Amino acid sequence: MPYRPRHRWDLAPKAAVALQRQLASRVEESPLTKPLRLIGGADCAFADGGKTIVAAWVVWDLPTQSVIEQVTIEQPVTFPYVPGLLSFRECPALLAAFKKLRQQPDACIMDGQGRAHPRRLGFASHSGLWLGRPTVGCAKSRFCGEFVEPLARKGSTRKLMDKTDLIGKVVRTRDGVKPVFVSVGHLITLDEAVRLVLSCSTGYRLPEPTRLADKLVAEYKRER
């Protein structure tokens, strides 16, 4: 059985950093064990001046490219904004929303970093440990590392390097648009993570499951 952490989320920042370093060694970059069909996309946003977090999941069927299920939740924020500790701020709500899903995704794409993090435990890796299933970080911006811009055509990639460590790939998901930053979350290889993101890219910059989750969060905030 995959290791699944159990810890409080309302830690002091110094304790949270220490926990990240401890948990990073538990992240597994390993090949997928079965074909993927249902892909979960997750995103969240803040409301009420940052006091409330809205989290959403979309379960997307890869072969038919259709939405199977979607859920939202809102709850109070219990952790301050600290760069590099995003998971402690967002994971509690996203994990609570995940429990509402009737259809369990085979893999999840998170709008955030996985191993492309200074302590190798970004949001996608931390949540992947809790979920115990393959997760991919697909971020709109770089958090750490250096890279050369990929070619302009869809599918072009470049390595994202932190000194001598390969921590992710910079991936063009649509001709001529800004690339995304893909990294392993948990229980998947980097090449598989890139292929999954590209297979879920249907004409937009973001892979469809996370794009739809972002849209769902925005709609929920407008209507609340």
Protein backbone atom coordinates (compact mmCIF):
# COMPACT_ATOMS: atom_id res chain seq x y z
CA MET A 1 0.00 0.00 0.00
CA PRO A 2 1.29 3.53 -0.77
CA TYR A 3 2.46 5.53 2.20
CA ARG A 4 -0.13 8.11 3.26
CA PRO A 5 0.82 10.82 5.74
CA ARG A 6 -1.39 11.85 8.62
CA HIS A 7 -0.59 15.21 10.14
CA ARG A 8 -2.15 18.48 11.17
CA TRP A 9 -2.29 21.29 8.64
CA ASP A 10 -2.22 24.22 11.07
CA LEU A 11 1.51 24.02 11.76
CA ALA A 12 3.88 26.91 12.36
CA PRO A 13 5.76 27.74 9.13
CA LYS A 14 9.08 26.42 10.51
CA ALA A 15 7.47 23.09 11.41
CA ALA A 16 5.76 22.95 8.00
CA VAL A 17 9.11 23.36 6.23
CA ALA A 18 10.62 20.56 8.32
CA LEU A 19 7.66 18.32 7.48
CA GLN A 20 8.05 19.03 3.76
CA ARG A 21 11.66 17.86 3.88
CA GLN A 22 10.59 14.70 5.71
CA LEU A 23 7.74 13.88 3.32
CA ALA A 24 9.73 14.58 0.14
CA SER A 25 11.58 11.28 0.55
CA ARG A 26 8.22 9.47 0.45
CA VAL A 27 7.31 10.71 -3.01
CA GLU A 28 7.61 7.96 -5.63
CA GLU A 29 8.53 8.62 -9.24
CA SER A 30 7.42 5.27 -10.61
CA PRO A 31 5.72 4.00 -13.80
CA LEU A 32 1.96 3.82 -13.96
CA THR A 33 0.54 0.41 -13.16
CA LYS A 34 -2.63 0.60 -15.28
CA PRO A 35 -4.12 2.59 -18.16
CA LEU A 36 -5.71 5.89 -17.23
CA ARG A 37 -9.31 6.72 -18.07
CA LEU A 38 -10.76 9.08 -15.47
CA ILE A 39 -8.59 12.15 -14.83
CA GLY A 40 -9.25 14.45 -11.91
CA GLY A 41 -8.57 18.16 -12.25
CA ALA A 42 -8.30 20.32 -9.14
CA ASP A 43 -8.17 24.03 -8.53
CA CYS A 44 -9.04 26.50 -5.79
CA ALA A 45 -9.36 30.22 -5.17
CA PHE A 46 -9.82 32.54 -2.23
CA ALA A 47 -12.74 34.74 -1.26
CA ASP A 48 -13.70 37.14 1.53
CA GLY A 49 -10.34 38.84 1.49
CA GLY A 50 -8.47 35.54 1.77
CA LYS A 51 -10.46 34.24 4.74
CA THR A 52 -12.34 31.60 2.73
CA ILE A 53 -11.10 29.06 0.20
CA VAL A 54 -13.22 27.59 -2.60
CA ALA A 55 -11.99 24.22 -3.92
CA ALA A 56 -13.23 22.27 -6.93
CA TRP A 57 -12.70 18.92 -8.60
CA VAL A 58 -13.69 17.89 -12.10
CA VAL A 59 -13.54 14.23 -13.13
CA TRP A 60 -12.91 14.06 -16.87
CA ASP A 61 -13.18 10.98 -19.08
CA LEU A 62 -10.06 10.86 -21.25
CA PRO A 63 -11.34 8.60 -24.09
CA THR A 64 -14.61 10.51 -24.58
CA GLN A 65 -13.27 13.91 -23.47
CA SER A 66 -16.35 14.52 -21.35
CA VAL A 67 -17.09 15.58 -17.77
CA ILE A 68 -18.22 12.72 -15.52
CA GLU A 69 -18.59 14.60 -12.26
CA GLN A 70 -17.77 17.88 -10.57
CA VAL A 71 -17.87 19.08 -6.96
CA THR A 72 -17.11 22.26 -5.03
CA ILE A 73 -16.61 23.10 -1.39
CA GLU A 74 -15.79 26.18 0.63
CA GLN A 75 -14.29 26.44 4.07
CA PRO A 76 -12.25 28.81 6.25
CA VAL A 77 -8.55 29.27 5.56
CA THR A 78 -6.42 28.02 8.45
CA PHE A 79 -2.87 28.71 7.21
CA PRO A 80 -1.28 32.05 6.26
CA TYR A 81 0.18 32.81 2.85
CA VAL A 82 3.82 31.72 2.95
CA PRO A 83 5.74 31.19 -0.32
CA GLY A 84 6.66 27.52 -0.70
CA LEU A 85 3.99 26.34 1.75
CA LEU A 86 0.98 26.51 -0.54
CA SER A 87 -0.11 22.94 0.19
CA PHE A 88 -0.74 23.75 3.86
CA ARG A 89 -3.08 26.52 2.76
CA GLU A 90 -4.97 24.70 -0.02
CA CYS A 91 -4.79 20.94 0.57
CA PRO A 92 -7.33 20.72 3.45
CA ALA A 93 -10.12 22.10 1.24
CA LEU A 94 -9.16 20.09 -1.84
CA LEU A 95 -8.94 16.86 0.15
CA ALA A 96 -12.34 17.58 1.71
CA ALA A 97 -13.80 18.18 -1.76
CA PHE A 98 -12.22 14.98 -3.05
CA LYS A 99 -14.17 13.00 -0.44
CA LYS A 100 -17.39 14.22 -2.05
CA LEU A 101 -16.58 12.55 -5.39
CA ARG A 102 -18.56 9.44 -6.27
CA GLN A 103 -16.22 8.58 -9.16
CA GLN A 104 -12.60 8.14 -8.08
CA PRO A 105 -10.13 9.39 -10.73
CA ASP A 106 -7.31 7.14 -11.91
CA ALA A 107 -4.90 10.09 -11.80
CA CYS A 108 -5.04 13.76 -10.87
CA ILE A 109 -3.64 16.91 -12.46
CA MET A 110 -3.14 19.73 -9.99
CA ASP A 111 -2.83 23.42 -10.79
CA GLY A 112 0.50 23.78 -8.98
CA GLN A 113 3.97 22.35 -8.54
CA GLY A 114 4.96 18.78 -7.81
CA ARG A 115 8.68 18.00 -7.51
CA ALA A 116 9.50 21.37 -9.10
CA HIS A 117 9.81 22.89 -5.64
CA PRO A 118 12.89 23.90 -3.62
CA ARG A 119 12.19 21.09 -1.11
CA ARG A 120 10.79 18.74 -3.79
CA LEU A 121 7.36 18.71 -2.18
CA GLY A 122 5.04 21.09 -3.92
CA PHE A 123 1.28 21.08 -3.74
CA ALA A 124 0.80 18.21 -6.23
CA SER A 125 3.29 15.95 -4.43
CA HIS A 126 1.90 16.67 -0.97
CA SER A 127 -1.68 16.03 -2.07
CA GLY A 128 -0.57 12.95 -4.02
CA LEU A 129 0.81 11.40 -0.85
CA TRP A 130 -2.53 11.93 0.90
CA LEU A 131 -4.58 10.64 -2.04
CA GLY A 132 -2.36 7.64 -2.67
CA ARG A 133 -2.78 7.83 -6.45
CA PRO A 134 -0.83 9.23 -9.43
CA THR A 135 -0.69 13.02 -9.41
CA VAL A 136 0.86 15.55 -11.75
CA GLY A 137 1.81 19.15 -11.11
CA CYS A 138 0.93 21.43 -14.02
CA ALA A 139 1.67 25.04 -13.10
CA LYS A 140 1.19 28.21 -15.10
CA SER A 141 4.46 29.69 -13.85
CA ARG A 142 7.89 28.56 -12.69
CA PHE A 143 8.57 28.42 -8.97
CA CYS A 144 12.20 27.32 -9.14
CA GLY A 145 14.69 26.01 -11.69
CA GLU A 146 16.10 27.20 -15.00
CA PHE A 147 15.10 26.33 -18.55
CA VAL A 148 15.43 27.19 -22.22
CA GLU A 149 12.23 28.22 -23.96
CA PRO A 150 10.72 25.28 -25.89
CA LEU A 151 9.89 25.53 -29.59
CA ALA A 152 6.62 27.21 -30.51
CA ARG A 153 4.73 24.10 -31.65
CA LYS A 154 2.49 22.01 -29.42
CA GLY A 155 4.31 19.09 -27.81
CA SER A 156 7.70 20.82 -27.64
CA THR A 157 9.42 20.42 -24.28
CA ARG A 158 12.54 21.54 -22.43
CA LYS A 159 14.09 20.33 -19.22
CA LEU A 160 13.48 22.29 -16.04
CA MET A 161 16.71 22.05 -14.04
CA ASP A 162 17.57 23.05 -10.49
CA LYS A 163 21.37 23.01 -10.72
CA THR A 164 22.06 19.36 -11.63
CA ASP A 165 18.58 18.04 -10.73
CA LEU A 166 15.92 17.46 -13.38
CA ILE A 167 12.79 18.64 -11.58
CA GLY A 168 10.28 18.92 -14.41
CA LYS A 169 9.58 19.77 -18.02
CA VAL A 170 8.51 22.99 -19.68
CA VAL A 171 5.75 21.96 -22.07
CA ARG A 172 4.06 23.74 -24.96
CA THR A 173 0.43 22.61 -24.92
CA ARG A 174 -0.73 24.80 -27.81
CA ASP A 175 1.07 26.35 -30.76
CA GLY A 176 2.48 29.74 -29.90
CA VAL A 177 1.09 30.10 -26.37
CA LYS A 178 3.03 30.28 -23.12
CA PRO A 179 4.24 26.87 -21.89
CA VAL A 180 3.20 25.16 -18.66
CA PHE A 181 5.51 23.67 -16.06
CA VAL A 182 4.96 19.95 -15.57
CA SER A 183 6.46 17.92 -12.75
CA VAL A 184 5.89 14.63 -11.01
CA GLY A 185 3.44 14.77 -8.17
CA HIS A 186 3.47 11.15 -7.03
CA LEU A 187 3.33 7.59 -8.46
CA ILE A 188 4.12 8.56 -12.06
CA THR A 189 7.24 9.23 -14.13
CA LEU A 190 8.06 12.61 -15.60
CA ASP A 191 7.65 11.40 -19.18
CA GLU A 192 4.26 9.91 -18.31
CA ALA A 193 3.25 13.16 -16.62
CA VAL A 194 4.10 15.12 -19.77
CA ARG A 195 2.19 12.66 -21.98
CA LEU A 196 -0.85 12.87 -19.70
CA VAL A 197 -0.89 16.66 -19.78
CA LEU A 198 -0.60 16.69 -23.57
CA SER A 199 -3.31 14.05 -23.97
CA CYS A 200 -5.63 16.25 -21.89
CA SER A 201 -4.79 19.42 -23.85
CA THR A 202 -7.68 19.98 -26.23
CA GLY A 203 -6.92 23.40 -27.66
CA TYR A 204 -6.33 25.51 -24.59
CA ARG A 205 -3.14 26.28 -22.70
CA LEU A 206 -4.23 24.32 -19.61
CA PRO A 207 -5.13 20.62 -19.69
CA GLU A 208 -8.89 20.26 -19.82
CA PRO A 209 -9.50 18.80 -16.31
CA THR A 210 -7.73 21.69 -14.55
CA ARG A 211 -9.10 24.29 -16.97
CA LEU A 212 -12.63 23.13 -16.17
CA ALA A 213 -11.87 23.09 -12.43
CA ASP A 214 -10.63 26.67 -12.67
CA LYS A 215 -13.81 27.63 -14.53
CA LEU A 216 -15.96 25.87 -11.93
CA VAL A 217 -14.27 27.76 -9.08
CA ALA A 218 -14.80 31.09 -10.85
CA GLU A 219 -18.49 30.32 -11.46
CA TYR A 220 -19.00 29.28 -7.85
CA LYS A 221 -17.43 32.51 -6.57
CA ARG A 222 -19.66 34.62 -8.82
CA GLU A 223 -22.82 32.87 -7.63
CA ARG A 224 -22.08 32.51 -3.89
